[in-house]
Amino acid sequence: MYTVSPREGERYFLRLLLLHVTGAKSFVDMRTVDGEVCSSFRQACSRRRLLADDAEWRRVLRESFASEFVPLSQVFATILAYWEPSDPVSLWDEHKSLFVSYNRLRHRGRATVLRNEDTALSYVLLEVQESLKLMGNFTLKTLQLPTPQDDLPALIVEGDVPELDTDRLRRAVDEAILKFNAGRELCFMLL
């Protein structure tokens, strides 16, 4: 039996369906669940409940938004690259307003271009894309996620970046790490 990495996308989901669906005679049969043809092998796997639930990743994103220690786009990229959520598109769609809010808070009015919703979303996608590049051979496109606009305006004017209080930040990080369980501490350290 050949193995297929989950990072190979539809090929992986087809293999998963081949292991669990009996009597199918075509690719359409493989994508059919309860009489309805799914748009992708991934969706068919999800509807057949062959994939892990993404509830944990939803919780991680909400908690990361509240903590503000690591950019939310970087947390999302880490989840995509290392923990392979079952439905990255739904995870993105459910949290994109959270990502935009986070970026707007992070830049606290200094970046007027973030007032436009599409531009703000593109900046988030750009940050996710850059983080994915650093983590390996991952792209938004291979994960079937939207890609950022090509012609984004400048986000921050030089000299507009505030000074960081590194001592305060270090104390806050140390306090937060003490509250982590082993799994969260590993995720944090990877980020």
N, C-alpha and C. Protein backbone atom coordinates (compact mmCIF):
# COMPACT_ATOMS: atom_id res chain seq x y z
N MET A 1 0.85 -1.17 0.00
CA MET A 1 0.00 0.00 0.00
C MET A 1 0.90 1.24 0.00
N TYR A 2 0.61 2.16 -0.91
CA TYR A 2 1.37 3.40 -0.99
C TYR A 2 0.85 4.39 0.05
N THR A 3 1.75 5.19 0.58
CA THR A 3 1.35 6.23 1.51
C THR A 3 1.28 7.56 0.77
N VAL A 4 0.43 8.43 1.27
CA VAL A 4 0.27 9.76 0.70
C VAL A 4 0.21 10.74 1.86
N SER A 5 1.00 11.78 1.81
CA SER A 5 1.02 12.77 2.87
C SER A 5 -0.25 13.62 2.82
N PRO A 6 -0.78 14.00 3.97
CA PRO A 6 -1.92 14.92 3.99
C PRO A 6 -1.62 16.24 3.29
N ARG A 7 -0.36 16.59 3.17
CA ARG A 7 0.01 17.83 2.51
C ARG A 7 -0.20 17.77 1.00
N GLU A 8 -0.50 16.58 0.47
CA GLU A 8 -0.74 16.44 -0.96
C GLU A 8 -2.19 16.73 -1.34
N GLY A 9 -2.95 17.20 -0.39
CA GLY A 9 -4.29 17.69 -0.65
C GLY A 9 -5.25 16.65 -1.18
N GLU A 10 -5.83 16.93 -2.32
CA GLU A 10 -6.88 16.07 -2.88
C GLU A 10 -6.42 14.63 -3.10
N ARG A 11 -5.17 14.47 -3.43
CA ARG A 11 -4.63 13.10 -3.61
C ARG A 11 -4.74 12.30 -2.30
N TYR A 12 -4.41 12.95 -1.19
CA TYR A 12 -4.52 12.32 0.12
C TYR A 12 -5.97 11.95 0.42
N PHE A 13 -6.89 12.86 0.15
CA PHE A 13 -8.30 12.62 0.46
C PHE A 13 -8.89 11.53 -0.43
N LEU A 14 -8.44 11.47 -1.68
CA LEU A 14 -8.86 10.38 -2.55
C LEU A 14 -8.41 9.04 -1.97
N ARG A 15 -7.17 8.97 -1.52
CA ARG A 15 -6.66 7.73 -0.93
C ARG A 15 -7.48 7.34 0.31
N LEU A 16 -7.81 8.32 1.12
CA LEU A 16 -8.62 8.06 2.31
C LEU A 16 -10.00 7.50 1.93
N LEU A 17 -10.59 8.06 0.89
CA LEU A 17 -11.89 7.56 0.42
C LEU A 17 -11.75 6.15 -0.14
N LEU A 18 -10.66 5.89 -0.86
CA LEU A 18 -10.45 4.55 -1.43
C LEU A 18 -10.37 3.48 -0.32
N LEU A 19 -9.88 3.89 0.84
CA LEU A 19 -9.77 2.95 1.95
C LEU A 19 -11.11 2.70 2.65
N HIS A 20 -12.08 3.60 2.47
CA HIS A 20 -13.32 3.50 3.23
C HIS A 20 -14.59 3.35 2.40
N VAL A 21 -14.56 3.69 1.13
CA VAL A 21 -15.77 3.64 0.31
C VAL A 21 -15.75 2.36 -0.52
N THR A 22 -16.80 1.57 -0.40
CA THR A 22 -16.88 0.33 -1.18
C THR A 22 -17.89 0.48 -2.30
N GLY A 23 -17.62 -0.19 -3.40
CA GLY A 23 -18.56 -0.23 -4.52
C GLY A 23 -18.52 0.95 -5.46
N ALA A 24 -17.67 1.92 -5.22
CA ALA A 24 -17.59 3.08 -6.12
C ALA A 24 -16.96 2.67 -7.44
N LYS A 25 -17.51 3.17 -8.54
CA LYS A 25 -17.00 2.82 -9.86
C LYS A 25 -16.40 4.02 -10.60
N SER A 26 -16.46 5.19 -9.99
CA SER A 26 -15.91 6.39 -10.63
C SER A 26 -15.51 7.39 -9.56
N PHE A 27 -14.83 8.46 -10.00
CA PHE A 27 -14.46 9.52 -9.07
C PHE A 27 -15.70 10.23 -8.52
N VAL A 28 -16.73 10.35 -9.36
CA VAL A 28 -17.98 10.97 -8.91
C VAL A 28 -18.59 10.12 -7.81
N ASP A 29 -18.56 8.80 -7.97
CA ASP A 29 -19.07 7.90 -6.92
C ASP A 29 -18.29 8.11 -5.62
N MET A 30 -16.99 8.34 -5.72
CA MET A 30 -16.17 8.54 -4.53
C MET A 30 -16.56 9.83 -3.80
N ARG A 31 -16.98 10.84 -4.58
CA ARG A 31 -17.34 12.13 -3.98
C ARG A 31 -18.81 12.22 -3.57
N THR A 32 -19.58 11.16 -3.82
CA THR A 32 -21.00 11.18 -3.51
C THR A 32 -21.24 10.69 -2.08
N VAL A 33 -21.93 11.53 -1.30
CA VAL A 33 -22.27 11.19 0.08
C VAL A 33 -23.76 11.44 0.27
N ASP A 34 -24.48 10.43 0.69
CA ASP A 34 -25.93 10.53 0.90
C ASP A 34 -26.65 11.07 -0.33
N GLY A 35 -26.23 10.61 -1.51
CA GLY A 35 -26.88 11.01 -2.77
C GLY A 35 -26.48 12.36 -3.31
N GLU A 36 -25.62 13.09 -2.61
CA GLU A 36 -25.18 14.41 -3.04
C GLU A 36 -23.70 14.37 -3.42
N VAL A 37 -23.37 14.92 -4.60
CA VAL A 37 -21.98 14.93 -5.06
C VAL A 37 -21.26 16.11 -4.43
N CYS A 38 -20.19 15.82 -3.71
CA CYS A 38 -19.37 16.87 -3.07
C CYS A 38 -18.47 17.51 -4.11
N SER A 39 -18.05 18.74 -3.85
CA SER A 39 -17.21 19.47 -4.80
C SER A 39 -15.75 19.01 -4.79
N SER A 40 -15.34 18.30 -3.75
CA SER A 40 -13.95 17.84 -3.66
C SER A 40 -13.88 16.55 -2.85
N PHE A 41 -12.76 15.86 -2.97
CA PHE A 41 -12.55 14.65 -2.17
C PHE A 41 -12.47 15.02 -0.68
N ARG A 42 -11.87 16.17 -0.40
CA ARG A 42 -11.76 16.65 0.98
C ARG A 42 -13.15 16.81 1.59
N GLN A 43 -14.05 17.44 0.84
CA GLN A 43 -15.40 17.65 1.35
C GLN A 43 -16.10 16.31 1.58
N ALA A 44 -15.90 15.37 0.66
CA ALA A 44 -16.50 14.04 0.82
C ALA A 44 -15.97 13.36 2.08
N CYS A 45 -14.68 13.47 2.33
CA CYS A 45 -14.09 12.89 3.55
C CYS A 45 -14.69 13.55 4.78
N SER A 46 -14.82 14.85 4.74
CA SER A 46 -15.37 15.58 5.87
C SER A 46 -16.82 15.16 6.12
N ARG A 47 -17.62 15.09 5.07
CA ARG A 47 -19.03 14.70 5.23
C ARG A 47 -19.18 13.26 5.71
N ARG A 48 -18.21 12.42 5.38
CA ARG A 48 -18.23 11.03 5.85
C ARG A 48 -17.61 10.90 7.25
N ARG A 49 -17.18 12.04 7.80
CA ARG A 49 -16.57 12.09 9.13
C ARG A 49 -15.29 11.24 9.21
N LEU A 50 -14.51 11.30 8.13
CA LEU A 50 -13.23 10.59 8.09
C LEU A 50 -12.08 11.48 8.58
N LEU A 51 -12.39 12.73 8.81
CA LEU A 51 -11.36 13.68 9.22
C LEU A 51 -11.55 14.08 10.67
N ALA A 52 -10.46 14.48 11.28
CA ALA A 52 -10.52 14.96 12.67
C ALA A 52 -11.30 16.26 12.72
N ASP A 53 -11.87 16.52 13.84
CA ASP A 53 -12.64 17.74 14.06
C ASP A 53 -11.68 18.91 14.25
N ASP A 54 -12.02 20.07 13.73
CA ASP A 54 -11.18 21.27 13.85
C ASP A 54 -11.53 22.13 15.06
N ALA A 55 -12.32 21.60 15.97
CA ALA A 55 -12.74 22.38 17.15
C ALA A 55 -11.54 22.89 17.95
N GLU A 56 -10.52 22.06 18.06
CA GLU A 56 -9.32 22.46 18.82
C GLU A 56 -8.66 23.67 18.18
N TRP A 57 -8.60 23.71 16.84
CA TRP A 57 -7.94 24.82 16.15
C TRP A 57 -8.78 26.09 16.26
N ARG A 58 -10.10 25.94 16.27
CA ARG A 58 -10.97 27.10 16.47
C ARG A 58 -10.69 27.72 17.85
N ARG A 59 -10.59 26.87 18.84
CA ARG A 59 -10.33 27.33 20.20
C ARG A 59 -8.96 28.01 20.29
N VAL A 60 -7.94 27.41 19.66
CA VAL A 60 -6.59 27.98 19.67
C VAL A 60 -6.60 29.38 19.05
N LEU A 61 -7.30 29.54 17.94
CA LEU A 61 -7.35 30.85 17.28
C LEU A 61 -8.05 31.88 18.17
N ARG A 62 -9.15 31.51 18.79
CA ARG A 62 -9.85 32.45 19.68
C ARG A 62 -8.97 32.84 20.88
N GLU A 63 -8.29 31.86 21.46
CA GLU A 63 -7.42 32.14 22.60
C GLU A 63 -6.23 32.99 22.19
N SER A 64 -5.69 32.73 21.01
CA SER A 64 -4.54 33.51 20.53
C SER A 64 -4.94 34.96 20.28
N PHE A 65 -6.16 35.15 19.80
CA PHE A 65 -6.66 36.52 19.58
C PHE A 65 -6.68 37.28 20.90
N ALA A 66 -7.12 36.61 21.94
CA ALA A 66 -7.21 37.23 23.26
C ALA A 66 -5.84 37.51 23.87
N SER A 67 -4.84 36.67 23.57
CA SER A 67 -3.54 36.82 24.22
C SER A 67 -2.67 37.88 23.56
N GLU A 68 -2.72 38.03 22.26
CA GLU A 68 -1.94 39.01 21.50
C GLU A 68 -0.43 38.82 21.60
N PHE A 69 0.06 37.66 22.05
CA PHE A 69 1.51 37.45 22.17
C PHE A 69 2.17 37.15 20.83
N VAL A 70 1.50 36.37 20.01
CA VAL A 70 2.02 35.97 18.71
C VAL A 70 1.02 36.42 17.67
N PRO A 71 1.47 37.00 16.56
CA PRO A 71 0.51 37.41 15.53
C PRO A 71 -0.43 36.25 15.15
N LEU A 72 -1.70 36.55 15.09
CA LEU A 72 -2.71 35.54 14.80
C LEU A 72 -2.46 34.87 13.45
N SER A 73 -1.95 35.62 12.49
CA SER A 73 -1.65 35.03 11.18
C SER A 73 -0.57 33.97 11.30
N GLN A 74 0.37 34.17 12.20
CA GLN A 74 1.44 33.19 12.40
C GLN A 74 0.90 31.93 13.10
N VAL A 75 -0.02 32.11 14.02
CA VAL A 75 -0.66 30.97 14.68
C VAL A 75 -1.41 30.14 13.64
N PHE A 76 -2.15 30.83 12.77
CA PHE A 76 -2.92 30.15 11.73
C PHE A 76 -1.99 29.38 10.78
N ALA A 77 -0.89 30.02 10.38
CA ALA A 77 0.07 29.36 9.49
C ALA A 77 0.67 28.12 10.16
N THR A 78 0.95 28.20 11.44
CA THR A 78 1.49 27.06 12.18
C THR A 78 0.49 25.91 12.21
N ILE A 79 -0.77 26.24 12.46
CA ILE A 79 -1.82 25.21 12.45
C ILE A 79 -1.88 24.55 11.08
N LEU A 80 -1.84 25.36 10.02
CA LEU A 80 -1.91 24.83 8.65
C LEU A 80 -0.71 23.93 8.34
N ALA A 81 0.47 24.37 8.74
CA ALA A 81 1.69 23.66 8.37
C ALA A 81 1.96 22.41 9.19
N TYR A 82 1.66 22.46 10.47
CA TYR A 82 2.07 21.36 11.35
C TYR A 82 0.95 20.47 11.87
N TRP A 83 -0.28 20.99 11.90
CA TRP A 83 -1.35 20.19 12.50
C TRP A 83 -2.45 19.82 11.52
N GLU A 84 -2.33 20.22 10.28
CA GLU A 84 -3.20 19.79 9.19
C GLU A 84 -4.68 19.74 9.57
N PRO A 85 -5.31 20.90 9.72
CA PRO A 85 -6.74 20.90 10.03
C PRO A 85 -7.52 20.21 8.91
N SER A 86 -8.66 19.65 9.26
CA SER A 86 -9.44 18.90 8.27
C SER A 86 -10.04 19.80 7.21
N ASP A 87 -10.35 21.04 7.55
CA ASP A 87 -10.97 21.95 6.59
C ASP A 87 -10.42 23.37 6.76
N PRO A 88 -9.23 23.63 6.18
CA PRO A 88 -8.61 24.95 6.35
C PRO A 88 -9.46 26.10 5.80
N VAL A 89 -10.21 25.84 4.72
CA VAL A 89 -11.03 26.90 4.13
C VAL A 89 -12.11 27.34 5.11
N SER A 90 -12.79 26.38 5.74
CA SER A 90 -13.82 26.74 6.72
C SER A 90 -13.20 27.43 7.93
N LEU A 91 -12.03 26.96 8.34
CA LEU A 91 -11.34 27.58 9.46
C LEU A 91 -11.03 29.04 9.14
N TRP A 92 -10.58 29.31 7.92
CA TRP A 92 -10.31 30.68 7.47
C TRP A 92 -11.61 31.49 7.42
N ASP A 93 -12.63 30.93 6.75
CA ASP A 93 -13.89 31.65 6.59
C ASP A 93 -14.52 32.01 7.94
N GLU A 94 -14.46 31.09 8.89
CA GLU A 94 -15.07 31.33 10.20
C GLU A 94 -14.32 32.38 11.02
N HIS A 95 -13.03 32.59 10.73
CA HIS A 95 -12.22 33.47 11.57
C HIS A 95 -11.66 34.70 10.86
N LYS A 96 -12.02 34.92 9.60
CA LYS A 96 -11.39 36.04 8.89
C LYS A 96 -11.71 37.39 9.52
N SER A 97 -12.91 37.55 10.09
CA SER A 97 -13.20 38.83 10.75
C SER A 97 -12.33 38.98 12.00
N LEU A 98 -12.02 37.87 12.66
CA LEU A 98 -11.13 37.89 13.81
C LEU A 98 -9.72 38.31 13.40
N PHE A 99 -9.24 37.78 12.26
CA PHE A 99 -7.92 38.14 11.75
C PHE A 99 -7.85 39.64 11.44
N VAL A 100 -8.89 40.15 10.78
CA VAL A 100 -8.91 41.57 10.42
C VAL A 100 -8.93 42.43 11.68
N SER A 101 -9.78 42.07 12.64
CA SER A 101 -9.84 42.82 13.91
C SER A 101 -8.48 42.81 14.60
N TYR A 102 -7.83 41.64 14.60
CA TYR A 102 -6.53 41.52 15.24
C TYR A 102 -5.52 42.46 14.58
N ASN A 103 -5.48 42.47 13.23
CA ASN A 103 -4.52 43.33 12.53
C ASN A 103 -4.82 44.80 12.77
N ARG A 104 -6.08 45.15 12.80
CA ARG A 104 -6.44 46.54 13.06
C ARG A 104 -6.03 46.95 14.48
N LEU A 105 -6.23 46.07 15.44
CA LEU A 105 -5.78 46.35 16.81
C LEU A 105 -4.27 46.49 16.89
N ARG A 106 -3.60 45.58 16.18
CA ARG A 106 -2.13 45.58 16.20
C ARG A 106 -1.55 46.88 15.67
N HIS A 107 -2.20 47.43 14.67
CA HIS A 107 -1.67 48.65 14.04
C HIS A 107 -2.36 49.91 14.56
N ARG A 108 -3.31 49.75 15.44
CA ARG A 108 -3.99 50.82 16.17
C ARG A 108 -4.13 52.14 15.41
N GLY A 109 -4.75 52.08 14.26
CA GLY A 109 -5.06 53.29 13.52
C GLY A 109 -3.93 53.89 12.71
N ARG A 110 -2.71 53.35 12.85
CA ARG A 110 -1.58 53.92 12.10
C ARG A 110 -1.64 53.53 10.63
N ALA A 111 -2.34 52.46 10.31
CA ALA A 111 -2.39 51.99 8.94
C ALA A 111 -3.81 52.19 8.40
N THR A 112 -4.04 53.33 7.78
CA THR A 112 -5.38 53.67 7.29
C THR A 112 -5.83 52.72 6.19
N VAL A 113 -4.89 52.06 5.49
CA VAL A 113 -5.27 51.14 4.42
C VAL A 113 -6.06 49.95 4.96
N LEU A 114 -5.95 49.68 6.26
CA LEU A 114 -6.67 48.54 6.84
C LEU A 114 -8.15 48.84 7.04
N ARG A 115 -8.57 50.05 6.77
CA ARG A 115 -10.00 50.39 6.90
C ARG A 115 -10.81 49.69 5.81
N ASN A 116 -10.19 49.43 4.67
CA ASN A 116 -10.86 48.70 3.59
C ASN A 116 -10.81 47.20 3.90
N GLU A 117 -11.98 46.56 3.96
CA GLU A 117 -12.07 45.15 4.36
C GLU A 117 -11.25 44.22 3.47
N ASP A 118 -11.33 44.39 2.14
CA ASP A 118 -10.59 43.52 1.22
C ASP A 118 -9.08 43.69 1.38
N THR A 119 -8.65 44.92 1.56
CA THR A 119 -7.22 45.18 1.75
C THR A 119 -6.75 44.59 3.07
N ALA A 120 -7.56 44.75 4.11
CA ALA A 120 -7.20 44.20 5.42
C ALA A 120 -7.07 42.68 5.34
N LEU A 121 -8.01 42.03 4.67
CA LEU A 121 -7.94 40.57 4.49
C LEU A 121 -6.70 40.17 3.71
N SER A 122 -6.36 40.95 2.70
CA SER A 122 -5.17 40.65 1.90
C SER A 122 -3.89 40.73 2.72
N TYR A 123 -3.84 41.70 3.64
CA TYR A 123 -2.66 41.79 4.50
C TYR A 123 -2.54 40.58 5.42
N VAL A 124 -3.66 40.11 5.93
CA VAL A 124 -3.64 38.91 6.76
C VAL A 124 -3.14 37.73 5.92
N LEU A 125 -3.70 37.57 4.72
CA LEU A 125 -3.30 36.46 3.85
C LEU A 125 -1.81 36.56 3.49
N LEU A 126 -1.33 37.77 3.28
CA LEU A 126 0.09 37.97 2.98
C LEU A 126 0.96 37.51 4.15
N GLU A 127 0.56 37.86 5.37
CA GLU A 127 1.31 37.43 6.55
C GLU A 127 1.29 35.90 6.70
N VAL A 128 0.13 35.30 6.46
CA VAL A 128 0.02 33.83 6.54
C VAL A 128 0.92 33.21 5.48
N GLN A 129 0.86 33.74 4.28
CA GLN A 129 1.67 33.23 3.18
C GLN A 129 3.16 33.30 3.49
N GLU A 130 3.61 34.42 4.03
CA GLU A 130 5.03 34.58 4.38
C GLU A 130 5.44 33.60 5.47
N SER A 131 4.58 33.41 6.46
CA SER A 131 4.87 32.45 7.54
C SER A 131 4.94 31.04 6.98
N LEU A 132 4.03 30.69 6.08
CA LEU A 132 4.04 29.35 5.48
C LEU A 132 5.32 29.09 4.70
N LYS A 133 5.81 30.11 4.00
CA LYS A 133 7.08 29.97 3.25
C LYS A 133 8.22 29.63 4.19
N LEU A 134 8.24 30.26 5.36
CA LEU A 134 9.31 30.01 6.32
C LEU A 134 9.22 28.60 6.92
N MET A 135 8.03 28.04 6.93
CA MET A 135 7.81 26.73 7.55
C MET A 135 7.99 25.56 6.60
N GLY A 136 8.20 25.83 5.35
CA GLY A 136 8.38 24.72 4.41
C GLY A 136 7.70 24.99 3.09
N ASN A 137 7.44 23.93 2.39
CA ASN A 137 6.89 24.03 1.04
C ASN A 137 5.36 24.09 1.07
N PHE A 138 4.82 25.14 1.67
CA PHE A 138 3.38 25.31 1.77
C PHE A 138 2.97 26.60 1.09
N THR A 139 1.83 26.58 0.44
CA THR A 139 1.27 27.80 -0.14
C THR A 139 -0.21 27.85 0.16
N LEU A 140 -0.75 29.05 0.14
CA LEU A 140 -2.18 29.22 0.33
C LEU A 140 -2.94 28.49 -0.77
N LYS A 141 -2.41 28.57 -1.97
CA LYS A 141 -3.08 27.94 -3.12
C LYS A 141 -3.20 26.43 -2.95
N THR A 142 -2.14 25.76 -2.51
CA THR A 142 -2.21 24.30 -2.34
C THR A 142 -3.17 23.91 -1.22
N LEU A 143 -3.41 24.82 -0.30
CA LEU A 143 -4.37 24.58 0.79
C LEU A 143 -5.77 25.04 0.42
N GLN A 144 -5.92 25.48 -0.85
CA GLN A 144 -7.20 25.95 -1.40
C GLN A 144 -7.74 27.18 -0.67
N LEU A 145 -6.82 27.99 -0.16
CA LEU A 145 -7.20 29.23 0.51
C LEU A 145 -7.04 30.40 -0.46
N PRO A 146 -7.75 31.50 -0.22
CA PRO A 146 -7.57 32.66 -1.09
C PRO A 146 -6.16 33.22 -0.98
N THR A 147 -5.73 33.95 -1.98
CA THR A 147 -4.40 34.55 -1.98
C THR A 147 -4.54 36.07 -1.87
N PRO A 148 -3.49 36.75 -1.37
CA PRO A 148 -3.58 38.20 -1.21
C PRO A 148 -3.55 38.93 -2.55
N GLN A 149 -4.04 40.17 -2.53
CA GLN A 149 -3.98 41.02 -3.72
C GLN A 149 -2.52 41.25 -4.09
N ASP A 150 -2.26 41.46 -5.37
CA ASP A 150 -0.89 41.67 -5.82
C ASP A 150 -0.38 43.08 -5.55
N ASP A 151 -1.25 44.06 -5.59
CA ASP A 151 -0.82 45.47 -5.53
C ASP A 151 -1.26 46.14 -4.22
N LEU A 152 -0.79 45.60 -3.11
CA LEU A 152 -1.17 46.17 -1.81
C LEU A 152 -0.42 47.46 -1.54
N PRO A 153 -1.12 48.49 -1.03
CA PRO A 153 -0.44 49.74 -0.67
C PRO A 153 0.44 49.54 0.57
N ALA A 154 1.35 50.48 0.79
CA ALA A 154 2.23 50.40 1.95
C ALA A 154 1.41 50.40 3.23
N LEU A 155 1.79 49.56 4.16
CA LEU A 155 1.03 49.42 5.39
C LEU A 155 1.46 50.42 6.46
N ILE A 156 2.75 50.52 6.72
CA ILE A 156 3.24 51.39 7.79
C ILE A 156 4.31 52.32 7.23
N VAL A 157 4.19 53.56 7.54
CA VAL A 157 5.19 54.55 7.12
C VAL A 157 6.40 54.38 8.02
N GLU A 158 7.61 54.48 7.41
CA GLU A 158 8.84 54.31 8.19
C GLU A 158 8.85 55.26 9.38
N GLY A 159 9.28 54.78 10.52
CA GLY A 159 9.32 55.59 11.72
C GLY A 159 8.01 55.57 12.49
N ASP A 160 7.01 54.88 11.96
CA ASP A 160 5.69 54.83 12.59
C ASP A 160 5.54 53.64 13.52
N VAL A 161 6.59 52.85 13.67
CA VAL A 161 6.52 51.66 14.51
C VAL A 161 6.85 52.06 15.94
N PRO A 162 5.96 51.75 16.89
CA PRO A 162 6.20 52.17 18.27
C PRO A 162 7.33 51.37 18.92
N GLU A 163 7.91 51.94 19.94
CA GLU A 163 8.96 51.28 20.72
C GLU A 163 8.34 50.17 21.56
N LEU A 164 8.96 49.00 21.61
CA LEU A 164 8.46 47.88 22.40
C LEU A 164 9.03 47.93 23.81
N ASP A 165 8.20 47.63 24.78
CA ASP A 165 8.64 47.50 26.16
C ASP A 165 9.01 46.03 26.35
N THR A 166 10.26 45.68 26.04
CA THR A 166 10.68 44.28 26.03
C THR A 166 10.64 43.65 27.42
N ASP A 167 10.92 44.41 28.45
CA ASP A 167 10.85 43.85 29.82
C ASP A 167 9.43 43.45 30.17
N ARG A 168 8.49 44.32 29.88
CA ARG A 168 7.08 44.02 30.15
C ARG A 168 6.62 42.82 29.33
N LEU A 169 7.02 42.78 28.08
CA LEU A 169 6.66 41.67 27.20
C LEU A 169 7.25 40.36 27.72
N ARG A 170 8.51 40.37 28.13
CA ARG A 170 9.17 39.17 28.65
C ARG A 170 8.44 38.65 29.90
N ARG A 171 8.08 39.56 30.81
CA ARG A 171 7.34 39.16 32.02
C ARG A 171 5.99 38.54 31.66
N ALA A 172 5.30 39.15 30.72
CA ALA A 172 3.98 38.64 30.32
C ALA A 172 4.09 37.26 29.67
N VAL A 173 5.11 37.07 28.84
CA VAL A 173 5.32 35.76 28.20
C VAL A 173 5.65 34.71 29.26
N ASP A 174 6.53 35.03 30.20
CA ASP A 174 6.88 34.08 31.26
C ASP A 174 5.65 33.69 32.07
N GLU A 175 4.79 34.67 32.40
CA GLU A 175 3.56 34.37 33.14
C GLU A 175 2.63 33.47 32.32
N ALA A 176 2.51 33.74 31.03
CA ALA A 176 1.61 32.95 30.17
C ALA A 176 2.10 31.52 30.03
N ILE A 177 3.40 31.34 29.91
CA ILE A 177 3.95 29.98 29.74
C ILE A 177 3.66 29.13 30.96
N LEU A 178 3.66 29.72 32.14
CA LEU A 178 3.36 28.98 33.36
C LEU A 178 1.93 28.42 33.35
N LYS A 179 1.04 29.05 32.59
CA LYS A 179 -0.36 28.62 32.53
C LYS A 179 -0.61 27.59 31.44
N PHE A 180 0.35 27.35 30.56
CA PHE A 180 0.17 26.42 29.44
C PHE A 180 0.23 24.98 29.90
N ASN A 181 -0.54 24.12 29.20
CA ASN A 181 -0.32 22.68 29.36
C ASN A 181 0.79 22.30 28.39
N ALA A 182 1.22 21.04 28.38
CA ALA A 182 2.37 20.62 27.57
C ALA A 182 2.14 20.87 26.08
N GLY A 183 0.95 20.58 25.58
CA GLY A 183 0.66 20.76 24.15
C GLY A 183 0.70 22.21 23.73
N ARG A 184 0.12 23.09 24.55
CA ARG A 184 0.12 24.51 24.22
C ARG A 184 1.52 25.09 24.31
N GLU A 185 2.31 24.64 25.29
CA GLU A 185 3.67 25.14 25.42
C GLU A 185 4.49 24.78 24.19
N LEU A 186 4.30 23.54 23.67
CA LEU A 186 5.01 23.12 22.46
C LEU A 186 4.61 24.00 21.29
N CYS A 187 3.32 24.23 21.13
CA CYS A 187 2.83 25.09 20.04
C CYS A 187 3.43 26.49 20.16
N PHE A 188 3.44 27.05 21.37
CA PHE A 188 3.98 28.39 21.59
C PHE A 188 5.45 28.43 21.25
N MET A 189 6.21 27.43 21.69
CA MET A 189 7.65 27.43 21.45
C MET A 189 7.96 27.29 19.95
N LEU A 190 7.11 26.54 19.22
CA LEU A 190 7.31 26.44 17.78
C LEU A 190 7.10 27.76 17.09
N LEU A 191 6.19 28.57 17.63
CA LEU A 191 5.91 29.86 17.04
C LEU A 191 7.05 30.80 17.35
